[in-house]
Amino acid sequence: MQDITYNNAKFKGIVGNKPLYDINVKYGDTIEIDESNISDWMYFDDKIAKGAYTIKVLRNQMSAEEQKQFDIQSGLLFD
């Protein structure tokens, strides 16, 4: 999600990429999610990705070369 707001224990924002699975939302949709349904999150602290637990698990399954390519393409830095 992008352009996220938070009010009454709900996050509201715009779907900022094409969902990997068919989940009845599409790129550009405005959606609202109850905070109890949040299982992963990510924010940046001085260009370092914080949270991003799912991405870290997937990245750790990559070879060193794949990780290098992922880092270049995504622009993400991890602590």
N, C-alpha and C. Protein backbone atom coordinates (compact mmCIF):
# COMPACT_ATOMS: atom_id res chain seq x y z
N MET A 1 0.83 -1.17 0.00
CA MET A 1 0.00 0.00 0.00
C MET A 1 0.88 1.24 0.00
N GLN A 2 0.34 2.29 -0.51
CA GLN A 2 1.03 3.58 -0.47
C GLN A 2 0.01 4.65 -0.11
N ASP A 3 0.52 5.83 0.21
CA ASP A 3 -0.35 6.92 0.64
C ASP A 3 -1.26 6.47 1.78
N ILE A 4 -0.66 5.87 2.79
CA ILE A 4 -1.40 5.23 3.89
C ILE A 4 -1.81 6.25 4.94
N THR A 5 -3.04 6.08 5.40
CA THR A 5 -3.55 6.83 6.54
C THR A 5 -4.02 5.82 7.58
N TYR A 6 -4.11 6.26 8.83
CA TYR A 6 -4.53 5.39 9.93
C TYR A 6 -5.59 6.10 10.74
N ASN A 7 -6.72 5.42 10.96
CA ASN A 7 -7.81 6.01 11.73
C ASN A 7 -8.68 4.88 12.28
N ASN A 8 -9.04 4.96 13.57
CA ASN A 8 -9.93 3.98 14.19
C ASN A 8 -9.46 2.54 13.99
N ALA A 9 -8.17 2.29 14.23
CA ALA A 9 -7.56 0.96 14.14
C ALA A 9 -7.62 0.37 12.73
N LYS A 10 -7.70 1.24 11.72
CA LYS A 10 -7.72 0.78 10.33
C LYS A 10 -6.71 1.57 9.50
N PHE A 11 -6.06 0.86 8.61
CA PHE A 11 -5.16 1.48 7.65
C PHE A 11 -5.91 1.61 6.33
N LYS A 12 -5.77 2.75 5.69
CA LYS A 12 -6.40 2.99 4.39
C LYS A 12 -5.32 3.48 3.45
N GLY A 13 -5.30 2.95 2.25
CA GLY A 13 -4.31 3.37 1.28
C GLY A 13 -4.60 2.83 -0.10
N ILE A 14 -3.68 3.07 -0.98
CA ILE A 14 -3.80 2.67 -2.39
C ILE A 14 -2.89 1.48 -2.65
N VAL A 15 -3.42 0.48 -3.35
CA VAL A 15 -2.61 -0.67 -3.73
C VAL A 15 -1.54 -0.17 -4.69
N GLY A 16 -0.27 -0.31 -4.29
CA GLY A 16 0.83 0.31 -5.02
C GLY A 16 1.58 -0.60 -5.97
N ASN A 17 1.14 -1.85 -6.12
CA ASN A 17 1.74 -2.74 -7.10
C ASN A 17 0.71 -3.80 -7.48
N LYS A 18 1.01 -4.57 -8.50
CA LYS A 18 0.10 -5.62 -8.93
C LYS A 18 0.20 -6.77 -7.91
N PRO A 19 -0.92 -7.16 -7.29
CA PRO A 19 -0.88 -8.27 -6.33
C PRO A 19 -0.37 -9.56 -6.98
N LEU A 20 0.41 -10.32 -6.23
CA LEU A 20 0.97 -11.57 -6.73
C LEU A 20 -0.12 -12.61 -6.94
N TYR A 21 -1.12 -12.61 -6.06
CA TYR A 21 -2.22 -13.58 -6.14
C TYR A 21 -3.53 -12.84 -6.38
N ASP A 22 -4.52 -13.55 -6.90
CA ASP A 22 -5.85 -12.98 -7.10
C ASP A 22 -6.53 -12.85 -5.75
N ILE A 23 -6.56 -11.61 -5.23
CA ILE A 23 -7.14 -11.37 -3.90
C ILE A 23 -8.25 -10.32 -3.98
N ASN A 24 -8.86 -10.22 -5.15
CA ASN A 24 -9.98 -9.30 -5.36
C ASN A 24 -9.62 -7.83 -5.19
N VAL A 25 -8.37 -7.48 -5.35
CA VAL A 25 -7.95 -6.08 -5.43
C VAL A 25 -6.99 -5.97 -6.60
N LYS A 26 -6.85 -4.76 -7.10
CA LYS A 26 -5.91 -4.56 -8.21
C LYS A 26 -5.12 -3.27 -7.99
N TYR A 27 -4.08 -3.14 -8.74
CA TYR A 27 -3.23 -1.96 -8.68
C TYR A 27 -4.09 -0.71 -8.79
N GLY A 28 -3.88 0.23 -7.88
CA GLY A 28 -4.61 1.49 -7.90
C GLY A 28 -5.88 1.52 -7.07
N ASP A 29 -6.35 0.35 -6.62
CA ASP A 29 -7.54 0.32 -5.77
C ASP A 29 -7.25 0.99 -4.43
N THR A 30 -8.25 1.66 -3.86
CA THR A 30 -8.16 2.16 -2.49
C THR A 30 -8.77 1.09 -1.60
N ILE A 31 -8.01 0.68 -0.58
CA ILE A 31 -8.49 -0.37 0.32
C ILE A 31 -8.33 0.06 1.77
N GLU A 32 -9.06 -0.61 2.64
CA GLU A 32 -8.98 -0.36 4.07
C GLU A 32 -8.76 -1.70 4.76
N ILE A 33 -7.81 -1.74 5.71
CA ILE A 33 -7.44 -2.98 6.38
C ILE A 33 -7.42 -2.74 7.88
N ASP A 34 -8.09 -3.62 8.61
CA ASP A 34 -8.06 -3.56 10.06
C ASP A 34 -6.66 -3.93 10.55
N GLU A 35 -6.18 -3.22 11.55
CA GLU A 35 -4.80 -3.46 12.01
C GLU A 35 -4.58 -4.89 12.49
N SER A 36 -5.62 -5.59 12.92
CA SER A 36 -5.46 -6.98 13.36
C SER A 36 -5.14 -7.92 12.21
N ASN A 37 -5.32 -7.46 10.98
CA ASN A 37 -5.02 -8.28 9.80
C ASN A 37 -3.64 -8.02 9.22
N ILE A 38 -2.87 -7.16 9.85
CA ILE A 38 -1.52 -6.85 9.36
C ILE A 38 -0.56 -7.94 9.84
N SER A 39 0.12 -8.57 8.90
CA SER A 39 1.07 -9.63 9.26
C SER A 39 2.51 -9.26 8.88
N ASP A 40 2.68 -8.28 8.05
CA ASP A 40 4.02 -7.85 7.66
C ASP A 40 3.93 -6.36 7.33
N TRP A 41 5.05 -5.69 7.47
CA TRP A 41 5.10 -4.25 7.23
C TRP A 41 6.52 -3.88 6.91
N MET A 42 6.69 -2.68 6.36
CA MET A 42 8.02 -2.19 6.04
C MET A 42 7.98 -0.68 6.02
N TYR A 43 9.02 -0.09 6.58
CA TYR A 43 9.23 1.35 6.45
C TYR A 43 10.72 1.58 6.33
N PHE A 44 11.12 2.78 6.01
CA PHE A 44 12.54 3.09 5.80
C PHE A 44 13.04 4.03 6.87
N ASP A 45 14.22 3.71 7.39
CA ASP A 45 14.93 4.55 8.36
C ASP A 45 16.30 4.83 7.76
N ASP A 46 16.47 6.05 7.25
CA ASP A 46 17.72 6.43 6.60
C ASP A 46 18.12 5.43 5.51
N LYS A 47 17.16 5.10 4.64
CA LYS A 47 17.34 4.22 3.49
C LYS A 47 17.46 2.73 3.85
N ILE A 48 17.35 2.39 5.13
CA ILE A 48 17.41 0.99 5.56
C ILE A 48 15.98 0.48 5.75
N ALA A 49 15.65 -0.66 5.11
CA ALA A 49 14.32 -1.25 5.25
C ALA A 49 14.18 -1.86 6.63
N LYS A 50 13.14 -1.47 7.33
CA LYS A 50 12.81 -2.01 8.65
C LYS A 50 11.55 -2.84 8.50
N GLY A 51 11.45 -3.92 9.27
CA GLY A 51 10.33 -4.85 9.10
C GLY A 51 10.64 -5.72 7.89
N ALA A 52 9.75 -5.74 6.92
CA ALA A 52 9.95 -6.46 5.65
C ALA A 52 10.28 -7.94 5.88
N TYR A 53 9.61 -8.54 6.84
CA TYR A 53 9.94 -9.92 7.23
C TYR A 53 9.75 -10.92 6.10
N THR A 54 8.68 -10.79 5.34
CA THR A 54 8.45 -11.71 4.23
C THR A 54 9.52 -11.55 3.17
N ILE A 55 9.86 -10.33 2.82
CA ILE A 55 10.90 -10.09 1.83
C ILE A 55 12.24 -10.67 2.31
N LYS A 56 12.55 -10.52 3.60
CA LYS A 56 13.82 -11.04 4.12
C LYS A 56 13.86 -12.57 4.02
N VAL A 57 12.75 -13.24 4.31
CA VAL A 57 12.71 -14.71 4.20
C VAL A 57 12.94 -15.12 2.76
N LEU A 58 12.24 -14.48 1.83
CA LEU A 58 12.40 -14.81 0.42
C LEU A 58 13.82 -14.51 -0.07
N ARG A 59 14.36 -13.38 0.34
CA ARG A 59 15.72 -12.99 -0.07
C ARG A 59 16.75 -13.98 0.46
N ASN A 60 16.56 -14.46 1.69
CA ASN A 60 17.50 -15.41 2.28
C ASN A 60 17.49 -16.77 1.58
N GLN A 61 16.46 -17.05 0.80
CA GLN A 61 16.39 -18.30 0.04
C GLN A 61 17.09 -18.18 -1.32
N MET A 62 17.52 -16.98 -1.67
CA MET A 62 18.18 -16.73 -2.94
C MET A 62 19.68 -17.03 -2.84
N SER A 63 20.27 -17.32 -3.99
CA SER A 63 21.73 -17.46 -4.04
C SER A 63 22.35 -16.08 -3.85
N ALA A 64 23.65 -16.03 -3.62
CA ALA A 64 24.33 -14.75 -3.44
C ALA A 64 24.17 -13.86 -4.67
N GLU A 65 24.23 -14.45 -5.86
CA GLU A 65 24.07 -13.68 -7.10
C GLU A 65 22.64 -13.15 -7.22
N GLU A 66 21.66 -13.99 -6.91
CA GLU A 66 20.26 -13.55 -6.95
C GLU A 66 20.01 -12.43 -5.94
N GLN A 67 20.59 -12.54 -4.75
CA GLN A 67 20.46 -11.49 -3.74
C GLN A 67 21.03 -10.17 -4.27
N LYS A 68 22.20 -10.27 -4.91
CA LYS A 68 22.83 -9.06 -5.46
C LYS A 68 21.92 -8.41 -6.49
N GLN A 69 21.36 -9.20 -7.40
CA GLN A 69 20.45 -8.67 -8.42
C GLN A 69 19.18 -8.09 -7.79
N PHE A 70 18.64 -8.80 -6.79
CA PHE A 70 17.46 -8.31 -6.10
C PHE A 70 17.73 -6.96 -5.45
N ASP A 71 18.86 -6.85 -4.77
CA ASP A 71 19.21 -5.60 -4.09
C ASP A 71 19.34 -4.45 -5.08
N ILE A 72 19.94 -4.72 -6.22
CA ILE A 72 20.11 -3.69 -7.26
C ILE A 72 18.75 -3.28 -7.81
N GLN A 73 17.93 -4.27 -8.16
CA GLN A 73 16.63 -3.98 -8.78
C GLN A 73 15.64 -3.34 -7.80
N SER A 74 15.66 -3.79 -6.56
CA SER A 74 14.69 -3.27 -5.59
C SER A 74 15.13 -1.95 -4.97
N GLY A 75 16.46 -1.74 -4.89
CA GLY A 75 16.98 -0.56 -4.24
C GLY A 75 16.87 -0.61 -2.72
N LEU A 76 16.50 -1.79 -2.19
CA LEU A 76 16.34 -1.94 -0.74
C LEU A 76 17.69 -2.22 -0.07
N LEU A 77 17.86 -1.66 1.10
CA LEU A 77 19.02 -1.96 1.95
C LEU A 77 18.48 -2.54 3.24
N PHE A 78 19.12 -3.60 3.72
CA PHE A 78 18.66 -4.29 4.94
C PHE A 78 19.71 -4.16 6.02
N ASP A 79 19.23 -4.15 7.27
CA ASP A 79 20.18 -4.12 8.40
C ASP A 79 20.53 -5.52 8.82
